[in-house]
PDB file of N, CA and C in Angstrom:
ATOM      1  N   MET A   1     -49.530  79.131 -39.225  1.00  0.00           N
ATOM      2  CA  MET A   1     -49.153  77.894 -39.871  1.00  0.00           C
ATOM      3  C   MET A   1     -49.462  76.716 -38.949  1.00  0.00           C
ATOM      4  N   VAL A   2     -49.903  75.622 -39.543  1.00  0.00           N
ATOM      5  CA  VAL A   2     -50.231  74.412 -38.801  1.00  0.00           C
ATOM      6  C   VAL A   2     -48.958  73.604 -38.578  1.00  0.00           C
ATOM      7  N   VAL A   3     -48.774  73.097 -37.393  1.00  0.00           N
ATOM      8  CA  VAL A   3     -47.606  72.277 -37.076  1.00  0.00           C
ATOM      9  C   VAL A   3     -47.966  70.810 -37.280  1.00  0.00           C
ATOM     10  N   VAL A   4     -47.186  70.112 -38.074  1.00  0.00           N
ATOM     11  CA  VAL A   4     -47.424  68.692 -38.315  1.00  0.00           C
ATOM     12  C   VAL A   4     -46.984  67.915 -37.080  1.00  0.00           C
ATOM     13  N   LYS A   5     -47.923  67.139 -36.515  1.00  0.00           N
ATOM     14  CA  LYS A   5     -47.653  66.407 -35.285  1.00  0.00           C
ATOM     15  C   LYS A   5     -47.285  64.947 -35.543  1.00  0.00           C
ATOM     16  N   GLU A   6     -47.851  64.349 -36.593  1.00  0.00           N
ATOM     17  CA  GLU A   6     -47.601  62.949 -36.888  1.00  0.00           C
ATOM     18  C   GLU A   6     -46.958  62.815 -38.259  1.00  0.00           C
ATOM     19  N   LYS A   7     -46.443  61.647 -38.558  1.00  0.00           N
ATOM     20  CA  LYS A   7     -45.803  61.398 -39.832  1.00  0.00           C
ATOM     21  C   LYS A   7     -46.826  61.474 -40.966  1.00  0.00           C
ATOM     22  N   VAL A   8     -46.571  62.327 -41.912  1.00  0.00           N
ATOM     23  CA  VAL A   8     -47.426  62.474 -43.083  1.00  0.00           C
ATOM     24  C   VAL A   8     -47.090  61.362 -44.066  1.00  0.00           C
ATOM     25  N   GLU A   9     -48.098  60.615 -44.521  1.00  0.00           N
ATOM     26  CA  GLU A   9     -47.878  59.523 -45.456  1.00  0.00           C
ATOM     27  C   GLU A   9     -48.211  59.905 -46.892  1.00  0.00           C
ATOM     28  N   SER A  10     -49.059  60.894 -47.084  1.00  0.00           N
ATOM     29  CA  SER A  10     -49.462  61.301 -48.430  1.00  0.00           C
ATOM     30  C   SER A  10     -49.893  62.759 -48.392  1.00  0.00           C
ATOM     31  N   ARG A  11     -50.078  63.350 -49.546  1.00  0.00           N
ATOM     32  CA  ARG A  11     -50.546  64.737 -49.609  1.00  0.00           C
ATOM     33  C   ARG A  11     -52.018  64.833 -49.213  1.00  0.00           C
ATOM     34  N   CYS A  12     -52.831  63.866 -49.646  1.00  0.00           N
ATOM     35  CA  CYS A  12     -54.282  63.955 -49.456  1.00  0.00           C
ATOM     36  C   CYS A  12     -54.792  63.289 -48.181  1.00  0.00           C
ATOM     37  N   GLY A  13     -53.943  62.547 -47.484  1.00  0.00           N
ATOM     38  CA  GLY A  13     -54.383  61.901 -46.255  1.00  0.00           C
ATOM     39  C   GLY A  13     -54.561  60.397 -46.349  1.00  0.00           C
ATOM     40  N   ILE A  14     -54.316  59.810 -47.515  1.00  0.00           N
ATOM     41  CA  ILE A  14     -54.364  58.362 -47.624  1.00  0.00           C
ATOM     42  C   ILE A  14     -53.221  57.779 -46.801  1.00  0.00           C
ATOM     43  N   CYS A  15     -53.486  56.697 -46.088  1.00  0.00           N
ATOM     44  CA  CYS A  15     -52.444  56.007 -45.324  1.00  0.00           C
ATOM     45  C   CYS A  15     -51.766  55.001 -46.250  1.00  0.00           C
ATOM     46  N   CYS A  16     -50.664  55.405 -46.815  1.00  0.00           N
ATOM     47  CA  CYS A  16     -49.933  54.559 -47.761  1.00  0.00           C
ATOM     48  C   CYS A  16     -49.508  53.238 -47.127  1.00  0.00           C
ATOM     49  N   SER A  17     -49.200  53.254 -45.846  1.00  0.00           N
ATOM     50  CA  SER A  17     -48.759  52.036 -45.163  1.00  0.00           C
ATOM     51  C   SER A  17     -49.856  50.979 -45.110  1.00  0.00           C
ATOM     52  N   GLN A  18     -51.099  51.370 -45.363  1.00  0.00           N
ATOM     53  CA  GLN A  18     -52.219  50.437 -45.342  1.00  0.00           C
ATOM     54  C   GLN A  18     -52.794  50.186 -46.737  1.00  0.00           C
ATOM     55  N   CYS A  19     -52.147  50.693 -47.768  1.00  0.00           N
ATOM     56  CA  CYS A  19     -52.674  50.607 -49.132  1.00  0.00           C
ATOM     57  C   CYS A  19     -52.121  49.386 -49.864  1.00  0.00           C
ATOM     58  N   HIS A  20     -52.987  48.645 -50.522  1.00  0.00           N
ATOM     59  CA  HIS A  20     -52.575  47.440 -51.240  1.00  0.00           C
ATOM     60  C   HIS A  20     -51.712  47.748 -52.459  1.00  0.00           C
ATOM     61  N   PHE A  21     -51.767  48.961 -52.978  1.00  0.00           N
ATOM     62  CA  PHE A  21     -50.934  49.314 -54.132  1.00  0.00           C
ATOM     63  C   PHE A  21     -49.457  49.389 -53.774  1.00  0.00           C
ATOM     64  N   GLN A  22     -49.159  49.526 -52.502  1.00  0.00           N
ATOM     65  CA  GLN A  22     -47.764  49.582 -52.066  1.00  0.00           C
ATOM     66  C   GLN A  22     -47.029  48.309 -52.506  1.00  0.00           C
ATOM     67  N   GLU A  23     -47.673  47.167 -52.338  1.00  0.00           N
ATOM     68  CA  GLU A  23     -47.059  45.901 -52.749  1.00  0.00           C
ATOM     69  C   GLU A  23     -47.385  45.550 -54.198  1.00  0.00           C
ATOM     70  N   GLU A  24     -48.625  45.778 -54.612  1.00  0.00           N
ATOM     71  CA  GLU A  24     -49.058  45.362 -55.947  1.00  0.00           C
ATOM     72  C   GLU A  24     -48.299  46.048 -57.075  1.00  0.00           C
ATOM     73  N   VAL A  25     -48.047  47.329 -56.958  1.00  0.00           N
ATOM     74  CA  VAL A  25     -47.364  48.060 -58.038  1.00  0.00           C
ATOM     75  C   VAL A  25     -46.114  48.781 -57.541  1.00  0.00           C
ATOM     76  N   ASN A  26     -45.656  48.411 -56.338  1.00  0.00           N
ATOM     77  CA  ASN A  26     -44.459  49.003 -55.745  1.00  0.00           C
ATOM     78  C   ASN A  26     -44.571  50.525 -55.622  1.00  0.00           C
ATOM     79  N   CYS A  27     -45.743  50.990 -55.228  1.00  0.00           N
ATOM     80  CA  CYS A  27     -45.966  52.424 -55.050  1.00  0.00           C
ATOM     81  C   CYS A  27     -45.253  52.891 -53.783  1.00  0.00           C
ATOM     82  N   LYS A  28     -44.529  53.965 -53.890  1.00  0.00           N
ATOM     83  CA  LYS A  28     -43.787  54.523 -52.751  1.00  0.00           C
ATOM     84  C   LYS A  28     -44.562  55.640 -52.057  1.00  0.00           C
ATOM     85  N   GLY A  29     -45.714  56.000 -52.596  1.00  0.00           N
ATOM     86  CA  GLY A  29     -46.502  57.086 -52.032  1.00  0.00           C
ATOM     87  C   GLY A  29     -46.131  58.419 -52.651  1.00  0.00           C
ATOM     88  N   CYS A  30     -47.076  59.312 -52.718  1.00  0.00           N
ATOM     89  CA  CYS A  30     -46.889  60.574 -53.455  1.00  0.00           C
ATOM     90  C   CYS A  30     -45.828  61.494 -52.865  1.00  0.00           C
ATOM     91  N   THR A  31     -45.488  61.302 -51.600  1.00  0.00           N
ATOM     92  CA  THR A  31     -44.441  62.153 -51.024  1.00  0.00           C
ATOM     93  C   THR A  31     -43.045  61.707 -51.460  1.00  0.00           C
ATOM     94  N   HIS A  32     -42.963  60.539 -52.143  1.00  0.00           N
ATOM     95  CA  HIS A  32     -41.668  59.988 -52.544  1.00  0.00           C
ATOM     96  C   HIS A  32     -41.540  59.752 -54.047  1.00  0.00           C
ATOM     97  N   ILE A  33     -42.522  60.172 -54.829  1.00  0.00           N
ATOM     98  CA  ILE A  33     -42.480  59.953 -56.277  1.00  0.00           C
ATOM     99  C   ILE A  33     -42.818  61.245 -57.010  1.00  0.00           C
ATOM    100  N   SER A  34     -42.425  61.320 -58.271  1.00  0.00           N
ATOM    101  CA  SER A  34     -42.724  62.521 -59.048  1.00  0.00           C
ATOM    102  C   SER A  34     -44.100  62.461 -59.691  1.00  0.00           C
ATOM    103  N   LYS A  35     -44.562  61.256 -60.053  1.00  0.00           N
ATOM    104  CA  LYS A  35     -45.912  61.122 -60.604  1.00  0.00           C
ATOM    105  C   LYS A  35     -46.525  59.815 -60.124  1.00  0.00           C
ATOM    106  N   PRO A  36     -47.839  59.770 -60.011  1.00  0.00           N
ATOM    107  CA  PRO A  36     -48.499  58.561 -59.508  1.00  0.00           C
ATOM    108  C   PRO A  36     -48.444  57.429 -60.532  1.00  0.00           C
ATOM    109  N   PHE A  37     -48.528  56.193 -60.044  1.00  0.00           N
ATOM    110  CA  PHE A  37     -48.502  55.029 -60.928  1.00  0.00           C
ATOM    111  C   PHE A  37     -49.725  54.979 -61.835  1.00  0.00           C
ATOM    112  N   TRP A  38     -50.801  55.649 -61.451  1.00  0.00           N
ATOM    113  CA  TRP A  38     -52.059  55.560 -62.173  1.00  0.00           C
ATOM    114  C   TRP A  38     -52.253  56.645 -63.231  1.00  0.00           C
ATOM    115  N   GLY A  39     -51.315  57.541 -63.378  1.00  0.00           N
ATOM    116  CA  GLY A  39     -51.457  58.598 -64.379  1.00  0.00           C
ATOM    117  C   GLY A  39     -50.292  59.561 -64.382  1.00  0.00           C
ATOM    118  N   GLU A  40     -50.429  60.577 -65.187  1.00  0.00           N
ATOM    119  CA  GLU A  40     -49.358  61.566 -65.331  1.00  0.00           C
ATOM    120  C   GLU A  40     -49.217  62.486 -64.125  1.00  0.00           C
ATOM    121  N   SER A  41     -50.339  62.813 -63.495  1.00  0.00           N
ATOM    122  CA  SER A  41     -50.276  63.708 -62.341  1.00  0.00           C
ATOM    123  C   SER A  41     -51.498  63.528 -61.456  1.00  0.00           C
ATOM    124  N   CYS A  42     -51.383  64.001 -60.244  1.00  0.00           N
ATOM    125  CA  CYS A  42     -52.502  64.008 -59.296  1.00  0.00           C
ATOM    126  C   CYS A  42     -52.753  65.464 -58.928  1.00  0.00           C
ATOM    127  N   PRO A  43     -53.966  65.947 -59.119  1.00  0.00           N
ATOM    128  CA  PRO A  43     -54.229  67.354 -58.814  1.00  0.00           C
ATOM    129  C   PRO A  43     -54.035  67.716 -57.341  1.00  0.00           C
ATOM    130  N   VAL A  44     -54.285  66.791 -56.434  1.00  0.00           N
ATOM    131  CA  VAL A  44     -54.101  67.074 -55.005  1.00  0.00           C
ATOM    132  C   VAL A  44     -52.611  67.180 -54.694  1.00  0.00           C
ATOM    133  N   LYS A  45     -51.830  66.241 -55.180  1.00  0.00           N
ATOM    134  CA  LYS A  45     -50.370  66.276 -54.994  1.00  0.00           C
ATOM    135  C   LYS A  45     -49.801  67.567 -55.567  1.00  0.00           C
ATOM    136  N   SER A  46     -50.219  67.905 -56.779  1.00  0.00           N
ATOM    137  CA  SER A  46     -49.725  69.119 -57.441  1.00  0.00           C
ATOM    138  C   SER A  46     -50.072  70.364 -56.640  1.00  0.00           C
ATOM    139  N   CYS A  47     -51.290  70.443 -56.150  1.00  0.00           N
ATOM    140  CA  CYS A  47     -51.736  71.604 -55.382  1.00  0.00           C
ATOM    141  C   CYS A  47     -50.891  71.767 -54.118  1.00  0.00           C
ATOM    142  N   CYS A  48     -50.713  70.693 -53.365  1.00  0.00           N
ATOM    143  CA  CYS A  48     -49.908  70.754 -52.133  1.00  0.00           C
ATOM    144  C   CYS A  48     -48.482  71.185 -52.425  1.00  0.00           C
ATOM    145  N   GLU A  49     -47.904  70.595 -53.440  1.00  0.00           N
ATOM    146  CA  GLU A  49     -46.509  70.896 -53.739  1.00  0.00           C
ATOM    147  C   GLU A  49     -46.328  72.315 -54.263  1.00  0.00           C
ATOM    148  N   GLU A  50     -47.302  72.814 -55.025  1.00  0.00           N
ATOM    149  CA  GLU A  50     -47.237  74.205 -55.490  1.00  0.00           C
ATOM    150  C   GLU A  50     -47.302  75.181 -54.327  1.00  0.00           C
ATOM    151  N   LYS A  51     -48.017  74.796 -53.261  1.00  0.00           N
ATOM    152  CA  LYS A  51     -48.149  75.642 -52.073  1.00  0.00           C
ATOM    153  C   LYS A  51     -47.066  75.341 -51.036  1.00  0.00           C
ATOM    154  N   ASP A  52     -46.157  74.421 -51.352  1.00  0.00           N
ATOM    155  CA  ASP A  52     -45.069  74.015 -50.465  1.00  0.00           C
ATOM    156  C   ASP A  52     -45.607  73.472 -49.136  1.00  0.00           C
ATOM    157  N   LEU A  53     -46.610  72.598 -49.225  1.00  0.00           N
ATOM    158  CA  LEU A  53     -47.232  71.987 -48.053  1.00  0.00           C
ATOM    159  C   LEU A  53     -46.910  70.504 -47.990  1.00  0.00           C
ATOM    160  N   GLU A  54     -46.810  69.971 -46.795  1.00  0.00           N
ATOM    161  CA  GLU A  54     -46.614  68.532 -46.621  1.00  0.00           C
ATOM    162  C   GLU A  54     -47.876  67.766 -47.001  1.00  0.00           C
ATOM    163  N   CYS A  55     -49.023  68.279 -46.552  1.00  0.00           N
ATOM    164  CA  CYS A  55     -50.295  67.629 -46.858  1.00  0.00           C
ATOM    165  C   CYS A  55     -51.415  68.673 -46.821  1.00  0.00           C
ATOM    166  N   CYS A  56     -52.564  68.266 -47.278  1.00  0.00           N
ATOM    167  CA  CYS A  56     -53.715  69.176 -47.359  1.00  0.00           C
ATOM    168  C   CYS A  56     -54.092  69.789 -46.013  1.00  0.00           C
ATOM    169  N   GLY A  57     -53.836  69.076 -44.939  1.00  0.00           N
ATOM    170  CA  GLY A  57     -54.185  69.563 -43.605  1.00  0.00           C
ATOM    171  C   GLY A  57     -53.496  70.854 -43.211  1.00  0.00           C
ATOM    172  N   GLU A  58     -52.414  71.197 -43.895  1.00  0.00           N
ATOM    173  CA  GLU A  58     -51.698  72.437 -43.605  1.00  0.00           C
ATOM    174  C   GLU A  58     -52.287  73.641 -44.338  1.00  0.00           C
ATOM    175  N   CYS A  59     -53.191  73.395 -45.269  1.00  0.00           N
ATOM    176  CA  CYS A  59     -53.706  74.459 -46.131  1.00  0.00           C
ATOM    177  C   CYS A  59     -54.782  75.297 -45.432  1.00  0.00           C
ATOM    178  N   SER A  60     -54.775  76.595 -45.708  1.00  0.00           N
ATOM    179  CA  SER A  60     -55.778  77.493 -45.128  1.00  0.00           C
ATOM    180  C   SER A  60     -57.168  77.239 -45.711  1.00  0.00           C
ATOM    181  N   GLU A  61     -57.240  76.536 -46.834  1.00  0.00           N
ATOM    182  CA  GLU A  61     -58.525  76.229 -47.471  1.00  0.00           C
ATOM    183  C   GLU A  61     -59.018  74.816 -47.148  1.00  0.00           C
ATOM    184  N   PHE A  62     -58.358  74.144 -46.237  1.00  0.00           N
ATOM    185  CA  PHE A  62     -58.687  72.759 -45.864  1.00  0.00           C
ATOM    186  C   PHE A  62     -60.017  72.664 -45.143  1.00  0.00           C
ATOM    187  N   PRO A  63     -60.828  71.682 -45.484  1.00  0.00           N
ATOM    188  CA  PRO A  63     -60.781  70.825 -46.652  1.00  0.00           C
ATOM    189  C   PRO A  63     -61.455  71.509 -47.838  1.00  0.00           C
ATOM    190  N   CYS A  64     -60.777  71.575 -48.940  1.00  0.00           N
ATOM    191  CA  CYS A  64     -61.287  72.264 -50.128  1.00  0.00           C
ATOM    192  C   CYS A  64     -62.170  71.340 -50.966  1.00  0.00           C
ATOM    193  N   ASP A  65     -62.767  71.910 -52.001  1.00  0.00           N
ATOM    194  CA  ASP A  65     -63.630  71.141 -52.895  1.00  0.00           C
ATOM    195  C   ASP A  65     -62.867  70.012 -53.581  1.00  0.00           C
ATOM    196  N   LEU A  66     -61.616  70.271 -53.961  1.00  0.00           N
ATOM    197  CA  LEU A  66     -60.816  69.246 -54.630  1.00  0.00           C
ATOM    198  C   LEU A  66     -60.598  68.045 -53.713  1.00  0.00           C
ATOM    199  N   LEU A  67     -60.171  68.293 -52.485  1.00  0.00           N
ATOM    200  CA  LEU A  67     -59.955  67.195 -51.552  1.00  0.00           C
ATOM    201  C   LEU A  67     -61.264  66.468 -51.258  1.00  0.00           C
ATOM    202  N   ASN A  68     -62.334  67.206 -51.052  1.00  0.00           N
ATOM    203  CA  ASN A  68     -63.635  66.582 -50.798  1.00  0.00           C
ATOM    204  C   ASN A  68     -64.074  65.707 -51.964  1.00  0.00           C
ATOM    205  N   SER A  69     -63.797  66.151 -53.196  1.00  0.00           N
ATOM    206  CA  SER A  69     -64.203  65.356 -54.360  1.00  0.00           C
ATOM    207  C   SER A  69     -63.457  64.028 -54.393  1.00  0.00           C
ATOM    208  N   PHE A  70     -62.210  64.005 -53.948  1.00  0.00           N
ATOM    209  CA  PHE A  70     -61.456  62.752 -53.878  1.00  0.00           C
ATOM    210  C   PHE A  70     -61.932  61.910 -52.695  1.00  0.00           C
ATOM    211  N   ALA A  71     -62.110  62.515 -51.552  1.00  0.00           N
ATOM    212  CA  ALA A  71     -62.465  61.792 -50.334  1.00  0.00           C
ATOM    213  C   ALA A  71     -63.847  61.145 -50.413  1.00  0.00           C
ATOM    214  N   TYR A  72     -64.747  61.766 -51.154  1.00  0.00           N
ATOM    215  CA  TYR A  72     -66.114  61.254 -51.235  1.00  0.00           C
ATOM    216  C   TYR A  72     -66.481  60.752 -52.626  1.00  0.00           C
ATOM    217  N   ASP A  73     -65.471  60.453 -53.444  1.00  0.00           N
ATOM    218  CA  ASP A  73     -65.712  59.900 -54.768  1.00  0.00           C
ATOM    219  C   ASP A  73     -66.433  58.559 -54.634  1.00  0.00           C
ATOM    220  N   GLU A  74     -67.412  58.337 -55.497  1.00  0.00           N
ATOM    221  CA  GLU A  74     -68.235  57.141 -55.415  1.00  0.00           C
ATOM    222  C   GLU A  74     -67.420  55.851 -55.551  1.00  0.00           C
ATOM    223  N   LYS A  75     -66.404  55.852 -56.410  1.00  0.00           N
ATOM    224  CA  LYS A  75     -65.631  54.629 -56.653  1.00  0.00           C
ATOM    225  C   LYS A  75     -64.316  54.567 -55.879  1.00  0.00           C
ATOM    226  N   GLN A  76     -63.615  55.680 -55.757  1.00  0.00           N
ATOM    227  CA  GLN A  76     -62.281  55.672 -55.154  1.00  0.00           C
ATOM    228  C   GLN A  76     -62.208  56.366 -53.792  1.00  0.00           C
ATOM    229  N   GLY A  77     -63.303  56.917 -53.340  1.00  0.00           N
ATOM    230  CA  GLY A  77     -63.301  57.659 -52.078  1.00  0.00           C
ATOM    231  C   GLY A  77     -63.221  56.762 -50.859  1.00  0.00           C
ATOM    232  N   ASP A  78     -63.048  57.390 -49.714  1.00  0.00           N
ATOM    233  CA  ASP A  78     -62.936  56.654 -48.457  1.00  0.00           C
ATOM    234  C   ASP A  78     -63.859  57.227 -47.386  1.00  0.00           C
ATOM    235  N   ASN A  79     -64.914  57.892 -47.837  1.00  0.00           N
ATOM    236  CA  ASN A  79     -65.910  58.464 -46.914  1.00  0.00           C
ATOM    237  C   ASN A  79     -65.314  59.485 -45.958  1.00  0.00           C
ATOM    238  N   GLY A  80     -64.292  60.184 -46.411  1.00  0.00           N
ATOM    239  CA  GLY A  80     -63.702  61.254 -45.610  1.00  0.00           C
ATOM    240  C   GLY A  80     -62.583  60.838 -44.672  1.00  0.00           C
ATOM    241  N   LEU A  81     -62.194  59.563 -44.691  1.00  0.00           N
ATOM    242  CA  LEU A  81     -61.119  59.105 -43.806  1.00  0.00           C
ATOM    243  C   LEU A  81     -59.832  59.873 -44.052  1.00  0.00           C
ATOM    244  N   ARG A  82     -59.512  60.163 -45.315  1.00  0.00           N
ATOM    245  CA  ARG A  82     -58.266  60.883 -45.610  1.00  0.00           C
ATOM    246  C   ARG A  82     -58.303  62.297 -45.030  1.00  0.00           C
ATOM    247  N   ILE A  83     -59.476  62.897 -44.969  1.00  0.00           N
ATOM    248  CA  ILE A  83     -59.607  64.228 -44.367  1.00  0.00           C
ATOM    249  C   ILE A  83     -59.318  64.145 -42.865  1.00  0.00           C
ATOM    250  N   GLU A  84     -59.855  63.117 -42.231  1.00  0.00           N
ATOM    251  CA  GLU A  84     -59.604  62.915 -40.805  1.00  0.00           C
ATOM    252  C   GLU A  84     -58.124  62.657 -40.553  1.00  0.00           C
ATOM    253  N   ASN A  85     -57.469  61.908 -41.446  1.00  0.00           N
ATOM    254  CA  ASN A  85     -56.033  61.660 -41.301  1.00  0.00           C
ATOM    255  C   ASN A  85     -55.254  62.970 -41.385  1.00  0.00           C
ATOM    256  N   CYS A  86     -55.593  63.814 -42.347  1.00  0.00           N
ATOM    257  CA  CYS A  86     -54.919  65.114 -42.472  1.00  0.00           C
ATOM    258  C   CYS A  86     -55.105  65.941 -41.203  1.00  0.00           C
ATOM    259  N   LYS A  87     -56.301  65.919 -40.657  1.00  0.00           N
ATOM    260  CA  LYS A  87     -56.559  66.640 -39.402  1.00  0.00           C
ATOM    261  C   LYS A  87     -55.648  66.122 -38.297  1.00  0.00           C
ATOM    262  N   SER A  88     -55.569  64.822 -38.185  1.00  0.00           N
ATOM    263  CA  SER A  88     -54.740  64.207 -37.153  1.00  0.00           C
ATOM    264  C   SER A  88     -53.266  64.509 -37.354  1.00  0.00           C
ATOM    265  N   TRP A  89     -52.782  64.368 -38.584  1.00  0.00           N
ATOM    266  CA  TRP A  89     -51.373  64.625 -38.883  1.00  0.00           C
ATOM    267  C   TRP A  89     -50.976  66.056 -38.549  1.00  0.00           C
ATOM    268  N   CYS A  90     -51.932  66.985 -38.681  1.00  0.00           N
ATOM    269  CA  CYS A  90     -51.608  68.411 -38.518  1.00  0.00           C
ATOM    270  C   CYS A  90     -52.160  69.009 -37.233  1.00  0.00           C
ATOM    271  N   GLY A  91     -52.672  68.186 -36.347  1.00  0.00           N
ATOM    272  CA  GLY A  91     -53.153  68.676 -35.067  1.00  0.00           C
ATOM    273  C   GLY A  91     -54.395  69.533 -35.171  1.00  0.00           C
ATOM    274  N   ARG A  92     -55.272  69.221 -36.103  1.00  0.00           N
ATOM    275  CA  ARG A  92     -56.523  69.965 -36.289  1.00  0.00           C
ATOM    276  C   ARG A  92     -57.693  69.206 -35.694  1.00  0.00           C
ATOM    277  N   GLU A  93     -57.534  68.670 -34.549  1.00  0.00           N
ATOM    278  CA  GLU A  93     -58.561  67.846 -33.907  1.00  0.00           C
ATOM    279  C   GLU A  93     -59.862  68.558 -33.775  1.00  0.00           C
TER     280      GLU A  93
END
């Protein structure tokens, strides 16, 4: 099992403390809400919670196709920054 070294802000590795939606729509981040403000569910959040994980970085399949599809999405992706955050949060340097 991976030991979480830093404070986890989200399931997928997004830094909620740096996200503009925190103020714009009063988003508390996926670790503190039952469903995202943008829809009924998030497949990454659901996957982590079904596996009883804090974030994707704890998963034996990290980084999986699902996380990669979010991290490198043409419109909403962050060029893999969230993957790097998960690595850092879980000591997977």
